[in-house]
N, C-alpha and C. Protein backbone atom coordinates (compact mmCIF):
# COMPACT_ATOMS: atom_id res chain seq x y z
N MET A 1 46.20 11.26 70.72
CA MET A 1 47.52 11.55 71.52
C MET A 1 48.57 11.67 70.19
N ALA A 2 49.46 12.42 70.34
CA ALA A 2 50.32 13.01 68.68
C ALA A 2 52.15 12.26 69.74
N LYS A 3 51.91 11.86 68.26
CA LYS A 3 53.47 10.98 68.38
C LYS A 3 54.12 11.79 67.27
N SER A 4 55.40 12.32 68.07
CA SER A 4 56.54 12.76 67.50
C SER A 4 57.98 11.70 66.55
N GLY A 5 58.92 12.61 65.88
CA GLY A 5 59.80 11.61 65.68
C GLY A 5 60.40 12.25 64.36
N VAL A 6 61.10 11.77 63.75
CA VAL A 6 62.01 12.41 62.31
C VAL A 6 61.86 11.33 61.35
N GLU A 7 61.82 12.08 60.47
CA GLU A 7 61.39 11.74 58.77
C GLU A 7 62.74 11.88 58.39
N ARG A 8 62.99 11.02 56.99
CA ARG A 8 64.43 10.98 56.20
C ARG A 8 63.33 10.51 55.68
N ARG A 9 63.50 11.76 54.26
CA ARG A 9 62.51 11.24 52.88
C ARG A 9 63.35 12.34 51.98
N GLY A 10 64.04 11.33 51.06
CA GLY A 10 64.84 11.98 49.84
C GLY A 10 66.20 12.04 50.66
N GLY A 11 66.54 13.53 50.52
CA GLY A 11 67.53 13.57 51.38
C GLY A 11 67.45 14.25 52.71
N THR A 12 66.03 14.88 52.73
CA THR A 12 65.83 15.92 53.80
C THR A 12 65.28 15.20 55.27
N VAL A 13 65.57 15.88 56.19
CA VAL A 13 65.29 15.16 57.33
C VAL A 13 64.39 16.33 58.04
N ARG A 14 62.75 15.52 58.33
CA ARG A 14 61.79 16.59 59.18
C ARG A 14 61.18 15.97 60.13
N MET A 15 60.86 16.86 61.09
CA MET A 15 60.58 16.55 62.52
C MET A 15 58.74 16.40 62.09
N THR A 16 58.51 15.09 62.45
CA THR A 16 56.98 15.07 62.34
C THR A 16 56.18 15.01 63.60
N THR A 17 55.19 14.96 63.43
CA THR A 17 54.11 14.58 64.73
C THR A 17 52.82 14.05 64.16
N THR A 18 52.46 13.40 64.06
CA THR A 18 51.65 12.27 63.70
C THR A 18 50.28 12.41 64.72
N SER A 19 49.41 12.23 64.47
CA SER A 19 47.92 12.12 65.55
C SER A 19 47.65 10.82 65.21
N PRO A 20 46.58 10.01 65.99
CA PRO A 20 45.51 9.21 65.68
C PRO A 20 44.93 9.11 64.37
N GLU A 21 44.30 10.66 64.65
CA GLU A 21 43.07 10.64 62.90
C GLU A 21 44.12 10.94 62.38
N LEU A 22 45.64 11.31 61.78
CA LEU A 22 46.52 11.41 60.72
C LEU A 22 46.83 10.08 60.26
N ASP A 23 47.13 8.91 61.68
CA ASP A 23 47.05 7.74 60.99
C ASP A 23 46.45 6.92 60.30
N ARG A 24 44.94 7.14 60.92
CA ARG A 24 43.65 6.61 60.04
C ARG A 24 43.78 6.91 59.09
N LEU A 25 43.62 8.03 58.81
CA LEU A 25 43.11 8.72 57.30
C LEU A 25 44.56 8.22 56.42
N LEU A 26 45.61 8.73 56.39
CA LEU A 26 46.74 7.92 55.87
C LEU A 26 46.51 5.95 55.44
N ARG A 27 46.09 5.75 56.63
CA ARG A 27 45.97 4.55 56.28
C ARG A 27 44.65 3.80 55.51
N VAL A 28 43.34 4.50 56.04
CA VAL A 28 41.67 4.32 55.20
C VAL A 28 42.19 4.87 53.14
N LEU A 29 43.23 5.60 53.07
CA LEU A 29 43.65 6.28 51.88
C LEU A 29 44.86 5.18 51.14
N ARG A 30 45.80 4.91 52.18
CA ARG A 30 46.17 3.59 51.38
C ARG A 30 45.02 2.31 51.06
N ALA A 31 44.23 2.04 52.07
CA ALA A 31 43.40 0.74 51.43
C ALA A 31 42.75 1.21 50.41
N GLN A 32 42.33 2.61 50.16
CA GLN A 32 41.41 3.10 49.52
C GLN A 32 41.99 2.87 48.10
N ARG A 33 43.63 3.04 48.17
CA ARG A 33 43.95 2.89 46.87
C ARG A 33 44.21 1.48 46.29
N ALA A 34 44.33 0.78 47.49
CA ALA A 34 44.62 -0.71 47.07
C ALA A 34 43.34 -1.30 46.57
N LEU A 35 42.58 -1.20 46.94
CA LEU A 35 40.96 -1.44 46.40
C LEU A 35 41.08 -0.86 44.99
N LEU A 36 41.08 0.58 45.20
CA LEU A 36 41.02 1.32 43.44
C LEU A 36 41.94 0.52 42.67
N GLY A 37 42.97 0.06 42.99
CA GLY A 37 44.07 -0.73 41.98
C GLY A 37 43.73 -2.41 41.36
N GLU A 38 42.41 -2.96 42.57
CA GLU A 38 41.89 -3.85 42.33
C GLU A 38 40.71 -3.66 41.60
N LEU A 39 40.03 -2.96 41.84
CA LEU A 39 39.17 -2.44 40.75
C LEU A 39 39.36 -2.28 38.91
N GLU A 40 40.37 -1.52 39.37
CA GLU A 40 40.93 -1.03 37.85
C GLU A 40 41.59 -2.64 37.11
N ALA A 41 42.36 -3.65 37.92
CA ALA A 41 42.41 -4.84 37.17
C ALA A 41 41.10 -5.57 37.24
N CYS A 42 40.37 -5.22 37.52
CA CYS A 42 38.91 -5.68 37.08
C CYS A 42 38.54 -5.57 35.91
N THR A 43 38.54 -4.18 36.04
CA THR A 43 37.89 -3.20 34.57
C THR A 43 39.01 -3.85 33.61
N ALA A 44 40.27 -3.93 33.60
CA ALA A 44 41.39 -4.45 32.75
C ALA A 44 40.52 -6.13 31.92
N ARG A 45 40.03 -7.06 33.23
CA ARG A 45 39.91 -7.99 33.21
C ARG A 45 38.18 -7.80 32.08
N ARG A 46 37.18 -7.40 32.85
CA ARG A 46 36.32 -6.97 32.28
C ARG A 46 36.55 -6.67 30.34
N THR A 47 37.43 -5.59 30.00
CA THR A 47 37.61 -5.13 28.73
C THR A 47 38.24 -6.36 27.64
N ALA A 48 38.60 -7.17 28.56
CA ALA A 48 39.33 -8.06 27.86
C ALA A 48 38.41 -9.45 27.33
N ALA A 49 37.45 -9.36 28.31
CA ALA A 49 36.24 -10.52 28.61
C ALA A 49 35.24 -10.02 27.28
N LEU A 50 35.09 -8.85 26.34
CA LEU A 50 33.90 -8.16 25.81
C LEU A 50 33.73 -8.83 25.19
N ASP A 51 34.55 -10.37 24.37
CA ASP A 51 33.85 -10.82 23.20
C ASP A 51 33.42 -12.58 23.72
N ASP A 52 33.22 -12.75 25.30
CA ASP A 52 33.56 -14.07 25.66
C ASP A 52 32.24 -13.54 27.15
N PRO A 53 31.13 -13.75 26.46
CA PRO A 53 29.82 -13.51 27.23
C PRO A 53 30.42 -14.41 28.99
N ASP A 54 30.75 -15.74 29.25
CA ASP A 54 30.74 -15.94 30.48
C ASP A 54 31.82 -15.54 31.13
N ALA A 55 32.47 -14.65 30.98
CA ALA A 55 33.88 -14.30 31.17
C ALA A 55 33.46 -12.77 31.83
N LEU A 56 32.68 -12.02 30.40
CA LEU A 56 31.86 -10.78 30.81
C LEU A 56 30.85 -10.70 32.12
N LEU A 57 30.59 -11.89 31.82
CA LEU A 57 29.58 -12.27 33.00
C LEU A 57 30.56 -12.02 34.51
N GLY A 58 31.29 -13.33 34.75
CA GLY A 58 31.92 -13.23 35.37
C GLY A 58 32.88 -11.67 36.08
N ALA A 59 32.94 -11.00 35.58
CA ALA A 59 34.26 -10.07 35.29
C ALA A 59 33.40 -8.87 36.19
N MET A 60 31.59 -9.28 36.10
CA MET A 60 30.77 -7.93 36.09
C MET A 60 30.64 -7.98 37.30
N ASN A 61 30.31 -9.70 37.67
CA ASN A 61 30.14 -9.49 38.79
C ASN A 61 30.86 -9.32 40.34
N HIS A 62 32.26 -9.70 39.50
CA HIS A 62 33.26 -8.94 40.97
C HIS A 62 33.41 -7.54 40.63
N ARG A 63 33.42 -7.05 39.58
CA ARG A 63 33.40 -6.04 39.65
C ARG A 63 32.48 -4.90 40.60
N GLU A 64 31.16 -5.66 40.27
CA GLU A 64 29.64 -4.72 41.23
C GLU A 64 30.22 -4.77 42.44
N ALA A 65 30.97 -6.68 43.21
CA ALA A 65 31.19 -6.83 44.48
C ALA A 65 32.46 -5.82 44.87
N LEU A 66 33.13 -5.52 43.39
CA LEU A 66 34.90 -4.47 44.06
C LEU A 66 33.70 -2.80 44.49
N VAL A 67 33.13 -2.76 43.27
CA VAL A 67 32.20 -1.18 43.56
C VAL A 67 31.79 -0.94 44.95
N ALA A 68 31.06 -1.57 45.02
CA ALA A 68 29.85 -2.14 46.42
C ALA A 68 31.23 -1.82 47.51
N ARG A 69 32.43 -2.78 47.67
CA ARG A 69 33.33 -2.26 48.87
C ARG A 69 34.06 -1.12 48.84
N VAL A 70 34.23 -0.42 47.57
CA VAL A 70 34.75 0.69 47.31
C VAL A 70 33.90 2.05 47.69
N GLU A 71 32.74 2.14 47.66
CA GLU A 71 31.23 2.79 47.42
C GLU A 71 31.74 2.84 49.31
N ALA A 72 31.84 1.50 50.33
CA ALA A 72 31.52 1.11 51.49
C ALA A 72 32.83 1.93 51.96
N HIS A 73 33.86 1.97 51.64
CA HIS A 73 35.47 2.70 52.41
C HIS A 73 35.11 3.62 51.66
N SER A 74 34.67 4.62 51.15
CA SER A 74 34.67 5.67 50.93
C SER A 74 34.10 6.53 51.56
N ARG A 75 32.96 6.10 52.42
CA ARG A 75 32.59 6.81 53.67
C ARG A 75 33.53 6.56 54.71
N GLU A 76 34.06 6.00 54.68
CA GLU A 76 35.35 5.72 55.81
C GLU A 76 36.44 6.59 55.57
N VAL A 77 36.77 6.69 54.48
CA VAL A 77 37.71 7.84 54.06
C VAL A 77 37.36 9.42 54.40
N ASP A 78 35.94 9.57 54.27
CA ASP A 78 35.24 10.94 54.49
C ASP A 78 35.47 10.61 56.00
N ASP A 79 35.07 9.84 56.72
CA ASP A 79 34.87 10.00 57.75
C ASP A 79 36.26 10.37 58.97
N ALA A 80 36.86 9.75 58.20
CA ALA A 80 38.54 9.91 58.49
C ALA A 80 38.95 11.18 58.36
N HIS A 81 38.63 11.52 57.26
CA HIS A 81 39.03 12.91 56.61
C HIS A 81 38.73 14.14 57.89
N ALA A 82 37.29 13.47 57.67
CA ALA A 82 36.49 14.88 58.72
C ALA A 82 37.39 15.22 60.14
N ALA A 83 37.49 13.94 60.51
CA ALA A 83 38.17 13.77 62.12
C ALA A 83 39.53 14.29 62.11
N TRP A 84 40.56 14.28 60.98
CA TRP A 84 41.42 14.54 60.55
C TRP A 84 41.77 16.06 60.61
N VAL A 85 40.84 16.81 59.97
CA VAL A 85 40.35 18.02 59.61
C VAL A 85 40.18 18.85 61.07
N ARG A 86 39.23 18.01 61.95
CA ARG A 86 38.84 18.71 63.38
C ARG A 86 40.27 18.99 64.39
N VAL A 87 41.15 17.78 64.21
CA VAL A 87 42.21 17.91 65.22
C VAL A 87 43.53 18.97 64.60
N ARG A 88 43.22 18.57 62.84
CA ARG A 88 45.05 19.26 62.64
C ARG A 88 44.83 20.88 63.69
N GLY A 89 46.22 20.74 63.72
CA GLY A 89 46.74 21.96 64.73
C GLY A 89 47.25 22.96 63.87
N PRO A 90 47.57 24.33 63.75
CA PRO A 90 48.30 25.33 63.48
C PRO A 90 49.58 24.86 63.40
N HIS A 91 50.36 23.84 63.58
CA HIS A 91 51.88 23.43 63.92
C HIS A 91 51.57 22.15 63.65
N GLU A 92 50.90 22.12 62.15
CA GLU A 92 50.99 20.85 61.12
C GLU A 92 51.90 21.11 60.04
N HIS A 93 52.69 19.61 60.49
CA HIS A 93 54.21 20.20 59.05
C HIS A 93 53.35 20.00 57.56
N PRO A 94 53.60 20.57 57.04
CA PRO A 94 53.27 20.76 55.27
C PRO A 94 53.65 19.04 54.34
N GLY A 95 54.39 18.59 55.06
CA GLY A 95 54.52 17.22 54.56
C GLY A 95 53.37 15.85 55.22
N ASP A 96 52.65 16.66 56.09
CA ASP A 96 51.92 15.51 56.35
C ASP A 96 50.71 15.65 54.54
N VAL A 97 50.30 17.11 55.13
CA VAL A 97 49.79 17.63 53.56
C VAL A 97 50.20 17.07 52.40
N GLU A 98 51.12 17.35 52.03
CA GLU A 98 51.46 16.58 50.88
C GLU A 98 51.56 15.44 50.71
N ASP A 99 51.36 14.32 51.75
CA ASP A 99 51.37 13.35 52.10
C ASP A 99 49.74 12.65 51.53
N ILE A 100 48.88 13.52 52.30
CA ILE A 100 47.31 13.38 51.97
C ILE A 100 47.09 14.33 50.56
N ARG A 101 47.79 14.86 50.02
CA ARG A 101 47.21 15.44 48.96
C ARG A 101 47.70 13.93 47.91
N ALA A 102 49.09 13.75 47.76
CA ALA A 102 49.77 12.62 47.13
C ALA A 102 48.64 11.62 46.65
N LEU A 103 48.20 10.90 47.80
CA LEU A 103 47.11 9.60 48.01
C LEU A 103 46.44 9.96 46.92
N ALA A 104 45.94 11.50 47.36
CA ALA A 104 44.62 11.71 47.07
C ALA A 104 44.22 11.80 45.22
N ASP A 105 45.39 12.69 45.21
CA ASP A 105 45.82 12.81 43.26
C ASP A 105 45.65 10.98 42.87
N GLU A 106 46.70 10.35 43.68
CA GLU A 106 46.61 9.10 42.78
C GLU A 106 44.87 8.41 42.85
N LEU A 107 44.28 8.51 43.98
CA LEU A 107 42.47 8.01 43.93
C LEU A 107 42.25 8.66 42.40
N ALA A 108 42.27 10.09 42.05
CA ALA A 108 41.86 10.48 41.85
C ALA A 108 41.85 10.05 40.11
N ALA A 109 43.40 10.09 40.21
CA ALA A 109 43.62 9.33 38.93
C ALA A 109 43.37 7.88 38.39
N SER A 110 43.31 7.16 39.34
CA SER A 110 43.29 5.78 38.92
C SER A 110 41.29 5.89 39.09
N LEU A 111 40.46 7.25 39.18
CA LEU A 111 39.02 7.02 39.42
C LEU A 111 38.82 7.46 37.26
N ALA A 112 39.72 8.57 37.49
CA ALA A 112 39.72 8.99 36.14
C ALA A 112 39.77 7.35 35.05
N ARG A 113 40.95 7.04 35.51
CA ARG A 113 41.24 5.57 34.57
C ARG A 113 40.72 4.50 34.21
N ILE A 114 39.33 4.40 36.14
CA ILE A 114 38.54 3.86 35.68
C ILE A 114 37.20 4.00 35.05
N GLU A 115 36.89 5.28 34.95
CA GLU A 115 35.82 6.21 33.99
C GLU A 115 36.01 5.71 32.73
N ALA A 116 37.48 6.26 32.36
CA ALA A 116 37.84 6.24 30.82
C ALA A 116 37.31 4.86 30.28
N ALA A 117 37.51 3.63 30.91
CA ALA A 117 37.55 2.68 30.30
C ALA A 117 36.03 1.31 30.48
N ASP A 118 35.42 2.33 31.23
CA ASP A 118 33.78 2.49 31.70
C ASP A 118 33.47 3.14 30.20
N GLN A 119 33.69 3.95 29.84
CA GLN A 119 33.16 4.90 28.71
C GLN A 119 33.45 4.43 27.06
N ARG A 120 34.99 3.81 27.03
CA ARG A 120 35.23 2.65 25.95
C ARG A 120 34.33 1.56 25.65
N ASP A 121 34.56 0.47 27.01
CA ASP A 121 33.58 -0.63 27.02
C ASP A 121 32.17 -0.27 27.04
N ALA A 122 31.78 0.59 27.05
CA ALA A 122 29.71 1.01 27.15
C ALA A 122 29.63 1.07 25.44
N ALA A 123 30.90 2.02 24.78
CA ALA A 123 30.78 2.32 23.75
C ALA A 123 30.70 1.08 22.99
N ALA A 124 31.54 0.41 23.15
CA ALA A 124 32.39 -1.40 22.41
C ALA A 124 30.97 -1.99 22.58
N LEU A 125 30.45 -2.10 23.52
CA LEU A 125 28.65 -3.03 23.81
C LEU A 125 28.17 -2.44 22.92
N ARG A 126 27.60 -0.82 23.21
CA ARG A 126 26.53 -0.34 22.09
C ARG A 126 26.90 -0.92 20.54
N ASP A 127 27.83 -0.33 20.12
CA ASP A 127 28.52 -0.99 18.76
C ASP A 127 28.31 -3.12 18.33
N ARG A 128 28.45 -3.42 19.59
CA ARG A 128 28.10 -4.79 19.35
C ARG A 128 26.61 -5.17 19.70
N ARG A 129 25.82 -4.23 20.06
CA ARG A 129 24.74 -4.58 20.42
C ARG A 129 24.22 -3.91 18.55
N ALA A 130 24.54 -3.10 18.31
CA ALA A 130 23.85 -2.15 17.22
C ALA A 130 24.04 -3.22 15.98
N ALA A 131 25.22 -4.41 16.35
CA ALA A 131 25.73 -4.88 14.92
C ALA A 131 24.96 -6.17 14.77
N PHE A 132 24.95 -6.56 16.60
CA PHE A 132 24.21 -7.97 16.51
C PHE A 132 22.58 -7.24 16.17
N ALA A 133 21.73 -6.06 16.27
CA ALA A 133 20.70 -6.10 15.80
C ALA A 133 20.81 -5.90 14.28
N ASP A 134 21.50 -4.96 13.68
CA ASP A 134 21.68 -5.63 12.32
C ASP A 134 21.75 -6.86 11.59
N GLN A 135 22.31 -7.84 12.24
CA GLN A 135 22.30 -9.00 11.61
C GLN A 135 20.97 -9.61 11.70
N ILE A 136 20.10 -9.58 12.52
CA ILE A 136 19.24 -10.22 13.53
C ILE A 136 17.50 -9.37 12.82
N GLU A 137 17.93 -8.06 12.28
CA GLU A 137 16.83 -7.79 11.28
C GLU A 137 17.12 -7.84 9.61
N GLY A 138 18.79 -8.68 9.49
CA GLY A 138 19.26 -8.95 7.87
C GLY A 138 18.37 -10.51 8.13
N LEU A 139 18.13 -11.22 9.16
CA LEU A 139 17.71 -12.52 9.25
C LEU A 139 16.58 -12.64 9.20
N ALA A 140 15.79 -12.00 9.80
CA ALA A 140 14.45 -11.75 9.89
C ALA A 140 13.97 -10.86 8.20
N ARG A 141 14.53 -10.57 7.77
CA ARG A 141 14.24 -9.60 6.26
C ARG A 141 14.06 -11.22 5.68
N ALA A 142 15.11 -11.91 4.98
CA ALA A 142 15.75 -12.88 5.23
C ALA A 142 14.57 -14.01 5.14
N GLY A 143 14.41 -14.19 6.44
CA GLY A 143 13.19 -15.34 6.57
C GLY A 143 11.57 -14.88 5.51
N ARG A 144 11.37 -13.61 6.15
CA ARG A 144 9.87 -12.89 5.48
C ARG A 144 9.90 -12.80 3.90
N ALA A 145 11.20 -12.92 3.15
CA ALA A 145 11.27 -13.06 2.15
C ALA A 145 11.42 -14.43 1.28
N GLY A 146 12.07 -15.23 2.30
CA GLY A 146 11.76 -16.81 1.80
C GLY A 146 10.24 -16.89 2.35
N ARG A 147 9.49 -16.47 2.49
CA ARG A 147 7.83 -17.00 3.53
C ARG A 147 7.57 -16.67 1.88
N ALA A 148 7.71 -15.57 1.29
CA ALA A 148 6.60 -14.22 0.65
C ALA A 148 6.90 -15.72 -0.77
N TYR A 149 8.38 -16.27 -1.12
CA TYR A 149 8.59 -16.86 -2.67
C TYR A 149 7.90 -18.35 -2.27
N ALA A 150 7.66 -19.01 -0.96
CA ALA A 150 7.31 -20.36 -1.04
C ALA A 150 6.32 -20.48 -0.95
N SER A 151 5.81 -21.77 -1.47
CA SER A 151 4.75 -21.85 -2.04
C SER A 151 3.33 -22.17 -0.82
N THR A 152 2.58 -21.68 -0.84
CA THR A 152 2.04 -22.01 0.68
C THR A 152 0.77 -23.48 0.72
N GLY A 153 1.03 -23.84 -0.50
CA GLY A 153 0.32 -25.45 -0.30
C GLY A 153 0.76 -26.51 -1.39
N HIS A 154 0.41 -27.30 -1.99
CA HIS A 154 1.09 -28.32 -2.94
C HIS A 154 -0.03 -27.58 -4.34
N THR A 155 0.23 -27.49 -5.49
CA THR A 155 -0.09 -27.01 -6.40
C THR A 155 -0.42 -28.01 -7.30
N PRO A 156 -1.29 -28.59 -8.11
CA PRO A 156 -1.11 -29.85 -8.74
C PRO A 156 -0.45 -29.12 -10.05
N ALA A 157 0.58 -30.28 -10.71
CA ALA A 157 0.81 -29.27 -12.67
C ALA A 157 -0.90 -29.02 -13.51
N ARG A 158 -0.48 -27.53 -14.06
CA ARG A 158 -2.07 -27.62 -14.35
C ARG A 158 -1.82 -28.25 -16.56
N TYR A 159 -0.70 -28.24 -16.95
CA TYR A 159 -0.48 -29.18 -17.76
C TYR A 159 0.39 -30.44 -18.00
N GLN A 160 0.09 -31.14 -18.15
CA GLN A 160 0.37 -32.59 -18.15
C GLN A 160 1.00 -33.08 -19.76
N ASP A 161 2.14 -33.76 -19.79
CA ASP A 161 2.34 -34.67 -20.73
C ASP A 161 2.12 -35.82 -21.29
N THR A 162 0.92 -36.14 -21.56
CA THR A 162 0.33 -37.63 -21.43
C THR A 162 0.98 -38.14 -22.36
N GLU A 163 1.80 -37.62 -23.94
CA GLU A 163 1.58 -37.98 -24.91
C GLU A 163 3.56 -38.85 -24.59
N GLY A 164 4.04 -38.05 -24.15
CA GLY A 164 5.68 -38.50 -23.47
C GLY A 164 6.06 -38.57 -24.93
């Protein structure tokens, strides 16, 4: 059942008609925005923890749980959007579509920031891994060189000064 009302926005007044489907869609979009905000904050903690393996592991575990929640909630967003599309009528107020579009744009911007941070962090981790591999190879080379010059057993002196 649709609800009617008056909404003041800026200096404008508009008549509104909301349906349970529209209310649900706006509610789940706002909840998704909050989840993505948490994911962005967690991503920032992960970035800050790149040099601390324990903190990085904690941030990655927390992030994995958040990603699962975002994915599950995305299905709810899809369902709510499909339900709203089925019932919206020709008398729909453009402001409703604007609200939905604004929220969708916020979600897209948040996802883009998360993806950019993921790419930066992945590149930083690849660089660190390459640097560690170079260090390990240097240590291995030094070990091989040391073993090559080390004696393999005790060899007594061939010539001894017995006259002293």
